[in-house]
PDB file of all heavy atoms in Angstrom:
ATOM      1  N   LYS A   1       0.826  -1.253   0.028  1.00  0.00           N
ATOM      2  CA  LYS A   1      -0.022   0.004   0.002  1.00  0.00           C
ATOM      3  C   LYS A   1       0.872   1.242  -0.032  1.00  0.00           C
ATOM      4  O   LYS A   1       1.633   1.470   0.891  1.00  0.00           O
ATOM      5  CB  LYS A   1      -0.907   0.038   1.195  1.00  0.00           C
ATOM      6  CG  LYS A   1      -1.877   1.182   1.250  1.00  0.00           C
ATOM      7  CD  LYS A   1      -2.731   1.129   2.479  1.00  0.00           C
ATOM      8  CE  LYS A   1      -3.676   2.358   2.565  1.00  0.00           C
ATOM      9  NZ  LYS A   1      -4.436   2.354   3.786  1.00  0.00           N
ATOM     10  N   GLU A   2       0.724   2.087  -1.033  1.00  0.00           N
ATOM     11  CA  GLU A   2       1.372   3.359  -1.113  1.00  0.00           C
ATOM     12  C   GLU A   2       0.590   4.445  -0.321  1.00  0.00           C
ATOM     13  O   GLU A   2      -0.600   4.604  -0.630  1.00  0.00           O
ATOM     14  CB  GLU A   2       1.598   3.762  -2.584  1.00  0.00           C
ATOM     15  CG  GLU A   2       2.573   4.904  -2.783  1.00  0.00           C
ATOM     16  CD  GLU A   2       2.878   5.133  -4.211  1.00  0.00           C
ATOM     17  OE1 GLU A   2       3.623   4.354  -4.844  1.00  0.00           O
ATOM     18  OE2 GLU A   2       2.365   6.102  -4.790  1.00  0.00           O
ATOM     19  N   VAL A   3       1.224   5.128   0.587  1.00  0.00           N
ATOM     20  CA  VAL A   3       0.535   6.114   1.408  1.00  0.00           C
ATOM     21  C   VAL A   3       1.065   7.487   1.068  1.00  0.00           C
ATOM     22  O   VAL A   3       2.114   7.710   0.551  1.00  0.00           O
ATOM     23  CB  VAL A   3       0.782   5.795   2.938  1.00  0.00           C
ATOM     24  CG1 VAL A   3       0.255   4.436   3.291  1.00  0.00           C
ATOM     25  CG2 VAL A   3       2.250   5.953   3.335  1.00  0.00           C
ATOM     26  N   GLU A   4       0.206   8.466   1.477  1.00  0.00           N
ATOM     27  CA  GLU A   4       0.502   9.889   1.308  1.00  0.00           C
ATOM     28  C   GLU A   4       0.391  10.503   2.705  1.00  0.00           C
ATOM     29  O   GLU A   4      -0.703  10.473   3.283  1.00  0.00           O
ATOM     30  CB  GLU A   4      -0.392  10.500   0.278  1.00  0.00           C
ATOM     31  CG  GLU A   4       0.136  11.805  -0.258  1.00  0.00           C
ATOM     32  CD  GLU A   4      -0.555  12.267  -1.567  1.00  0.00           C
ATOM     33  OE1 GLU A   4      -0.539  11.443  -2.495  1.00  0.00           O
ATOM     34  OE2 GLU A   4      -1.050  13.358  -1.554  1.00  0.00           O
ATOM     35  N   VAL A   5       1.446  11.122   3.169  1.00  0.00           N
ATOM     36  CA  VAL A   5       1.428  11.616   4.538  1.00  0.00           C
ATOM     37  C   VAL A   5       1.384  13.151   4.528  1.00  0.00           C
ATOM     38  O   VAL A   5       2.233  13.843   4.010  1.00  0.00           O
ATOM     39  CB  VAL A   5       2.731  11.135   5.259  1.00  0.00           C
ATOM     40  CG1 VAL A   5       2.773  11.664   6.695  1.00  0.00           C
ATOM     41  CG2 VAL A   5       2.810   9.631   5.220  1.00  0.00           C
ATOM     42  N   PRO A   6       0.371  13.679   5.232  1.00  0.00           N
ATOM     43  CA  PRO A   6       0.263  15.167   5.321  1.00  0.00           C
ATOM     44  C   PRO A   6       0.937  15.653   6.554  1.00  0.00           C
ATOM     45  O   PRO A   6       1.350  14.885   7.462  1.00  0.00           O
ATOM     46  CB  PRO A   6      -1.242  15.342   5.456  1.00  0.00           C
ATOM     47  CG  PRO A   6      -1.711  14.129   6.270  1.00  0.00           C
ATOM     48  CD  PRO A   6      -0.802  13.011   5.811  1.00  0.00           C
ATOM     49  N   MET A   7       1.108  16.923   6.673  1.00  0.00           N
ATOM     50  CA  MET A   7       1.478  17.547   7.982  1.00  0.00           C
ATOM     51  C   MET A   7       0.250  17.711   8.783  1.00  0.00           C
ATOM     52  O   MET A   7      -0.859  17.865   8.216  1.00  0.00           O
ATOM     53  CB  MET A   7       2.164  18.902   7.709  1.00  0.00           C
ATOM     54  CG  MET A   7       3.556  18.754   7.057  1.00  0.00           C
ATOM     55  SD  MET A   7       4.403  20.338   6.871  1.00  0.00           S
ATOM     56  CE  MET A   7       3.478  21.109   5.478  1.00  0.00           C
ATOM     57  N   TYR A   8       0.351  17.653  10.123  1.00  0.00           N
ATOM     58  CA  TYR A   8      -0.760  17.821  11.008  1.00  0.00           C
ATOM     59  C   TYR A   8      -0.610  19.103  11.793  1.00  0.00           C
ATOM     60  O   TYR A   8       0.260  19.231  12.709  1.00  0.00           O
ATOM     61  CB  TYR A   8      -0.821  16.610  11.975  1.00  0.00           C
ATOM     62  CG  TYR A   8      -1.091  15.314  11.367  1.00  0.00           C
ATOM     63  CD1 TYR A   8      -0.037  14.527  10.741  1.00  0.00           C
ATOM     64  CD2 TYR A   8      -2.379  14.809  11.254  1.00  0.00           C
ATOM     65  CE1 TYR A   8      -0.301  13.345  10.145  1.00  0.00           C
ATOM     66  CE2 TYR A   8      -2.640  13.594  10.623  1.00  0.00           C
ATOM     67  CZ  TYR A   8      -1.561  12.808  10.095  1.00  0.00           C
ATOM     68  OH  TYR A   8      -1.803  11.601   9.493  1.00  0.00           O
ATOM     69  N   ILE A   9      -1.343  20.142  11.373  1.00  0.00           N
ATOM     70  CA  ILE A   9      -1.152  21.454  12.023  1.00  0.00           C
ATOM     71  C   ILE A   9      -2.539  21.932  12.465  1.00  0.00           C
ATOM     72  O   ILE A   9      -3.468  22.079  11.653  1.00  0.00           O
ATOM     73  CB  ILE A   9      -0.617  22.463  10.982  1.00  0.00           C
ATOM     74  CG1 ILE A   9       0.755  22.017  10.435  1.00  0.00           C
ATOM     75  CG2 ILE A   9      -0.494  23.875  11.601  1.00  0.00           C
ATOM     76  CD1 ILE A   9       1.319  22.903   9.331  1.00  0.00           C
ATOM     77  N   GLY A  10      -2.685  22.086  13.801  1.00  0.00           N
ATOM     78  CA  GLY A  10      -4.017  22.406  14.357  1.00  0.00           C
ATOM     79  C   GLY A  10      -5.006  21.346  13.974  1.00  0.00           C
ATOM     80  O   GLY A  10      -4.769  20.134  14.177  1.00  0.00           O
ATOM     81  N   SER A  11      -6.120  21.727  13.385  1.00  0.00           N
ATOM     82  CA  SER A  11      -7.091  20.828  13.013  1.00  0.00           C
ATOM     83  C   SER A  11      -7.024  20.322  11.546  1.00  0.00           C
ATOM     84  O   SER A  11      -7.791  19.537  11.061  1.00  0.00           O
ATOM     85  CB  SER A  11      -8.541  21.459  13.149  1.00  0.00           C
ATOM     86  OG  SER A  11      -8.626  22.579  12.290  1.00  0.00           O
ATOM     87  N   GLU A  12      -5.941  20.824  10.881  1.00  0.00           N
ATOM     88  CA  GLU A  12      -5.767  20.526   9.431  1.00  0.00           C
ATOM     89  C   GLU A  12      -4.723  19.446   9.173  1.00  0.00           C
ATOM     90  O   GLU A  12      -3.710  19.338   9.860  1.00  0.00           O
ATOM     91  CB  GLU A  12      -5.407  21.853   8.710  1.00  0.00           C
ATOM     92  CG  GLU A  12      -6.334  22.962   8.779  1.00  0.00           C
ATOM     93  CD  GLU A  12      -5.893  24.178   8.009  1.00  0.00           C
ATOM     94  OE1 GLU A  12      -5.400  23.968   6.822  1.00  0.00           O
ATOM     95  OE2 GLU A  12      -6.019  25.271   8.515  1.00  0.00           O
ATOM     96  N   GLU A  13      -5.065  18.682   8.072  1.00  0.00           N
ATOM     97  CA  GLU A  13      -4.034  17.821   7.533  1.00  0.00           C
ATOM     98  C   GLU A  13      -3.559  18.524   6.237  1.00  0.00           C
ATOM     99  O   GLU A  13      -4.296  18.612   5.284  1.00  0.00           O
ATOM    100  CB  GLU A  13      -4.593  16.447   7.173  1.00  0.00           C
ATOM    101  CG  GLU A  13      -5.062  15.645   8.431  1.00  0.00           C
ATOM    102  CD  GLU A  13      -5.517  14.249   8.126  1.00  0.00           C
ATOM    103  OE1 GLU A  13      -5.421  13.778   6.967  1.00  0.00           O
ATOM    104  OE2 GLU A  13      -6.006  13.555   9.113  1.00  0.00           O
ATOM    105  N   VAL A  14      -2.359  19.034   6.316  1.00  0.00           N
ATOM    106  CA  VAL A  14      -1.879  19.924   5.321  1.00  0.00           C
ATOM    107  C   VAL A  14      -1.041  19.240   4.226  1.00  0.00           C
ATOM    108  O   VAL A  14      -0.066  18.536   4.542  1.00  0.00           O
ATOM    109  CB  VAL A  14      -1.018  21.074   6.014  1.00  0.00           C
ATOM    110  CG1 VAL A  14      -0.470  22.019   4.916  1.00  0.00           C
ATOM    111  CG2 VAL A  14      -1.848  21.818   7.049  1.00  0.00           C
ATOM    112  N   THR A  15      -1.456  19.442   3.040  1.00  0.00           N
ATOM    113  CA  THR A  15      -0.669  18.957   1.902  1.00  0.00           C
ATOM    114  C   THR A  15      -0.158  20.140   1.087  1.00  0.00           C
ATOM    115  O   THR A  15      -0.836  21.207   1.001  1.00  0.00           O
ATOM    116  CB  THR A  15      -1.546  18.029   0.997  1.00  0.00           C
ATOM    117  OG1 THR A  15      -2.665  18.764   0.492  1.00  0.00           O
ATOM    118  CG2 THR A  15      -1.992  16.850   1.721  1.00  0.00           C
ATOM    119  N   THR A  16       0.985  19.990   0.474  1.00  0.00           N
ATOM    120  CA  THR A  16       1.628  21.074  -0.239  1.00  0.00           C
ATOM    121  C   THR A  16       1.913  20.790  -1.672  1.00  0.00           C
ATOM    122  O   THR A  16       2.148  21.693  -2.504  1.00  0.00           O
ATOM    123  CB  THR A  16       3.003  21.402   0.417  1.00  0.00           C
ATOM    124  OG1 THR A  16       3.879  20.261   0.225  1.00  0.00           O
ATOM    125  CG2 THR A  16       2.834  21.743   1.886  1.00  0.00           C
ATOM    126  N   GLY A  17       1.837  19.531  -2.079  1.00  0.00           N
ATOM    127  CA  GLY A  17       2.188  19.153  -3.435  1.00  0.00           C
ATOM    128  C   GLY A  17       3.628  18.932  -3.632  1.00  0.00           C
ATOM    129  O   GLY A  17       4.074  18.356  -4.660  1.00  0.00           O
ATOM    130  N   ASN A  18       4.471  19.361  -2.704  1.00  0.00           N
ATOM    131  CA  ASN A  18       5.913  19.150  -2.765  1.00  0.00           C
ATOM    132  C   ASN A  18       6.198  17.783  -2.054  1.00  0.00           C
ATOM    133  O   ASN A  18       6.517  17.705  -0.928  1.00  0.00           O
ATOM    134  CB  ASN A  18       6.708  20.255  -2.107  1.00  0.00           C
ATOM    135  CG  ASN A  18       8.172  20.152  -2.256  1.00  0.00           C
ATOM    136  OD1 ASN A  18       8.715  19.396  -3.087  1.00  0.00           O
ATOM    137  ND2 ASN A  18       8.944  20.759  -1.377  1.00  0.00           N
ATOM    138  N   LYS A  19       6.061  16.724  -2.855  1.00  0.00           N
ATOM    139  CA  LYS A  19       6.112  15.370  -2.289  1.00  0.00           C
ATOM    140  C   LYS A  19       7.492  14.783  -2.366  1.00  0.00           C
ATOM    141  O   LYS A  19       8.164  14.838  -3.358  1.00  0.00           O
ATOM    142  CB  LYS A  19       5.113  14.456  -3.005  1.00  0.00           C
ATOM    143  CG  LYS A  19       3.627  14.979  -2.787  1.00  0.00           C
ATOM    144  CD  LYS A  19       2.602  13.880  -3.236  1.00  0.00           C
ATOM    145  CE  LYS A  19       2.583  13.710  -4.743  1.00  0.00           C
ATOM    146  NZ  LYS A  19       1.509  12.817  -5.111  1.00  0.00           N
ATOM    147  N   ILE A  20       7.869  14.148  -1.215  1.00  0.00           N
ATOM    148  CA  ILE A  20       9.146  13.474  -1.111  1.00  0.00           C
ATOM    149  C   ILE A  20       8.881  11.987  -0.867  1.00  0.00           C
ATOM    150  O   ILE A  20       8.105  11.653  -0.008  1.00  0.00           O
ATOM    151  CB  ILE A  20       9.998  14.040   0.029  1.00  0.00           C
ATOM    152  CG1 ILE A  20      10.347  15.526  -0.253  1.00  0.00           C
ATOM    153  CG2 ILE A  20      11.259  13.235   0.284  1.00  0.00           C
ATOM    154  CD1 ILE A  20      11.127  16.227   0.798  1.00  0.00           C
ATOM    155  N   ALA A  21       9.567  11.122  -1.630  1.00  0.00           N
ATOM    156  CA  ALA A  21       9.370   9.697  -1.557  1.00  0.00           C
ATOM    157  C   ALA A  21       9.939   9.119  -0.250  1.00  0.00           C
ATOM    158  O   ALA A  21      10.995   9.551   0.162  1.00  0.00           O
ATOM    159  CB  ALA A  21       9.968   8.987  -2.783  1.00  0.00           C
ATOM    160  N   MET A  22       9.234   8.087   0.278  1.00  0.00           N
ATOM    161  CA  MET A  22       9.699   7.287   1.411  1.00  0.00           C
ATOM    162  C   MET A  22      10.047   5.930   0.865  1.00  0.00           C
ATOM    163  O   MET A  22       9.135   5.251   0.336  1.00  0.00           O
ATOM    164  CB  MET A  22       8.643   7.225   2.508  1.00  0.00           C
ATOM    165  CG  MET A  22       8.267   8.623   3.065  1.00  0.00           C
ATOM    166  SD  MET A  22       6.963   8.569   4.351  1.00  0.00           S
ATOM    167  CE  MET A  22       5.536   8.123   3.281  1.00  0.00           C
ATOM    168  N   THR A  23      11.259   5.504   1.090  1.00  0.00           N
ATOM    169  CA  THR A  23      11.742   4.165   0.551  1.00  0.00           C
ATOM    170  C   THR A  23      12.421   3.392   1.612  1.00  0.00           C
ATOM    171  O   THR A  23      13.083   3.933   2.488  1.00  0.00           O
ATOM    172  CB  THR A  23      12.774   4.383  -0.623  1.00  0.00           C
ATOM    173  OG1 THR A  23      13.870   5.116  -0.161  1.00  0.00           O
ATOM    174  CG2 THR A  23      12.102   5.210  -1.766  1.00  0.00           C
ATOM    175  N   PRO A  24      12.234   2.081   1.609  1.00  0.00           N
ATOM    176  CA  PRO A  24      12.935   1.263   2.596  1.00  0.00           C
ATOM    177  C   PRO A  24      14.453   1.275   2.387  1.00  0.00           C
ATOM    178  O   PRO A  24      14.915   1.165   1.225  1.00  0.00           O
ATOM    179  CB  PRO A  24      12.421  -0.193   2.347  1.00  0.00           C
ATOM    180  CG  PRO A  24      11.158  -0.004   1.448  1.00  0.00           C
ATOM    181  CD  PRO A  24      11.401   1.241   0.739  1.00  0.00           C
ATOM    182  N   PRO A  25      15.217   1.451   3.473  1.00  0.00           N
ATOM    183  CA  PRO A  25      16.673   1.514   3.253  1.00  0.00           C
ATOM    184  C   PRO A  25      17.261   0.195   2.737  1.00  0.00           C
ATOM    185  O   PRO A  25      18.279   0.229   1.974  1.00  0.00           O
ATOM    186  CB  PRO A  25      17.168   1.709   4.732  1.00  0.00           C
ATOM    187  CG  PRO A  25      16.069   2.406   5.408  1.00  0.00           C
ATOM    188  CD  PRO A  25      14.863   1.846   4.814  1.00  0.00           C
ATOM    189  N   HIS A  26      16.516  -0.880   2.927  1.00  0.00           N
ATOM    190  CA  HIS A  26      17.001  -2.196   2.413  1.00  0.00           C
ATOM    191  C   HIS A  26      16.526  -2.452   1.021  1.00  0.00           C
ATOM    192  O   HIS A  26      16.894  -3.474   0.372  1.00  0.00           O
ATOM    193  CB  HIS A  26      16.556  -3.315   3.343  1.00  0.00           C
ATOM    194  CG  HIS A  26      15.075  -3.296   3.673  1.00  0.00           C
ATOM    195  ND1 HIS A  26      14.548  -2.482   4.689  1.00  0.00           N
ATOM    196  CD2 HIS A  26      13.994  -3.889   3.067  1.00  0.00           C
ATOM    197  CE1 HIS A  26      13.272  -2.627   4.709  1.00  0.00           C
ATOM    198  NE2 HIS A  26      12.952  -3.492   3.751  1.00  0.00           N
ATOM    199  N   ASP A  27      15.671  -1.596   0.418  1.00  0.00           N
ATOM    200  CA  ASP A  27      15.119  -1.783  -0.901  1.00  0.00           C
ATOM    201  C   ASP A  27      14.819  -0.431  -1.409  1.00  0.00           C
ATOM    202  O   ASP A  27      13.631  -0.047  -1.580  1.00  0.00           O
ATOM    203  CB  ASP A  27      13.929  -2.684  -0.856  1.00  0.00           C
ATOM    204  CG  ASP A  27      13.375  -3.062  -2.270  1.00  0.00           C
ATOM    205  OD1 ASP A  27      14.052  -2.756  -3.203  1.00  0.00           O
ATOM    206  OD2 ASP A  27      12.311  -3.643  -2.319  1.00  0.00           O
ATOM    207  N   HIS A  28      15.851   0.379  -1.736  1.00  0.00           N
ATOM    208  CA  HIS A  28      15.618   1.804  -1.951  1.00  0.00           C
ATOM    209  C   HIS A  28      14.961   2.152  -3.305  1.00  0.00           C
ATOM    210  O   HIS A  28      14.627   3.285  -3.557  1.00  0.00           O
ATOM    211  CB  HIS A  28      16.932   2.612  -1.813  1.00  0.00           C
ATOM    212  CG  HIS A  28      18.117   1.992  -2.638  1.00  0.00           C
ATOM    213  ND1 HIS A  28      18.092   1.930  -3.991  1.00  0.00           N
ATOM    214  CD2 HIS A  28      19.285   1.524  -2.218  1.00  0.00           C
ATOM    215  CE1 HIS A  28      19.237   1.433  -4.392  1.00  0.00           C
ATOM    216  NE2 HIS A  28      20.008   1.128  -3.333  1.00  0.00           N
ATOM    217  N   LYS A  29      14.688   1.147  -4.126  1.00  0.00           N
ATOM    218  CA  LYS A  29      13.970   1.417  -5.387  1.00  0.00           C
ATOM    219  C   LYS A  29      12.492   1.291  -5.189  1.00  0.00           C
ATOM    220  O   LYS A  29      11.678   1.620  -6.053  1.00  0.00           O
ATOM    221  CB  LYS A  29      14.463   0.510  -6.485  1.00  0.00           C
ATOM    222  CG  LYS A  29      15.885   0.780  -6.935  1.00  0.00           C
ATOM    223  CD  LYS A  29      16.339  -0.084  -8.075  1.00  0.00           C
ATOM    224  CE  LYS A  29      17.716   0.328  -8.581  1.00  0.00           C
ATOM    225  NZ  LYS A  29      18.730   0.167  -7.613  1.00  0.00           N
ATOM    226  N   HIS A  30      12.088   0.717  -4.051  1.00  0.00           N
ATOM    227  CA  HIS A  30      10.632   0.545  -3.777  1.00  0.00           C
ATOM    228  C   HIS A  30      10.132   1.782  -2.999  1.00  0.00           C
ATOM    229  O   HIS A  30      10.747   2.303  -2.092  1.00  0.00           O
ATOM    230  CB  HIS A  30      10.393  -0.694  -2.897  1.00  0.00           C
ATOM    231  CG  HIS A  30       8.921  -0.877  -2.514  1.00  0.00           C
ATOM    232  ND1 HIS A  30       7.994  -1.424  -3.449  1.00  0.00           N
ATOM    233  CD2 HIS A  30       8.308  -0.695  -1.361  1.00  0.00           C
ATOM    234  CE1 HIS A  30       6.835  -1.477  -2.849  1.00  0.00           C
ATOM    235  NE2 HIS A  30       7.012  -1.029  -1.638  1.00  0.00           N
ATOM    236  N   VAL A  31       8.955   2.280  -3.394  1.00  0.00           N
ATOM    237  CA  VAL A  31       8.407   3.453  -2.811  1.00  0.00           C
ATOM    238  C   VAL A  31       7.261   3.037  -1.878  1.00  0.00           C
ATOM    239  O   VAL A  31       6.229   2.436  -2.338  1.00  0.00           O
ATOM    240  CB  VAL A  31       7.884   4.436  -3.828  1.00  0.00           C
ATOM    241  CG1 VAL A  31       7.212   5.650  -3.186  1.00  0.00           C
ATOM    242  CG2 VAL A  31       9.050   4.916  -4.675  1.00  0.00           C
ATOM    243  N   LEU A  32       7.357   3.373  -0.604  1.00  0.00           N
ATOM    244  CA  LEU A  32       6.270   3.099   0.396  1.00  0.00           C
ATOM    245  C   LEU A  32       5.199   4.215   0.309  1.00  0.00           C
ATOM    246  O   LEU A  32       4.085   3.968   0.726  1.00  0.00           O
ATOM    247  CB  LEU A  32       6.881   3.103   1.787  1.00  0.00           C
ATOM    248  CG  LEU A  32       7.870   2.006   2.139  1.00  0.00           C
ATOM    249  CD1 LEU A  32       8.594   2.290   3.434  1.00  0.00           C
ATOM    250  CD2 LEU A  32       7.174   0.611   2.096  1.00  0.00           C
TER     251      LEU A  32
END
């Protein structure tokens, strides 16, 4: 499952569109 993580500020889940990939250190070509 590929997830998208927002920032949590006050009551808002904030998205910016400036997305950075999260990858396992043991399999850095796979995107979590």
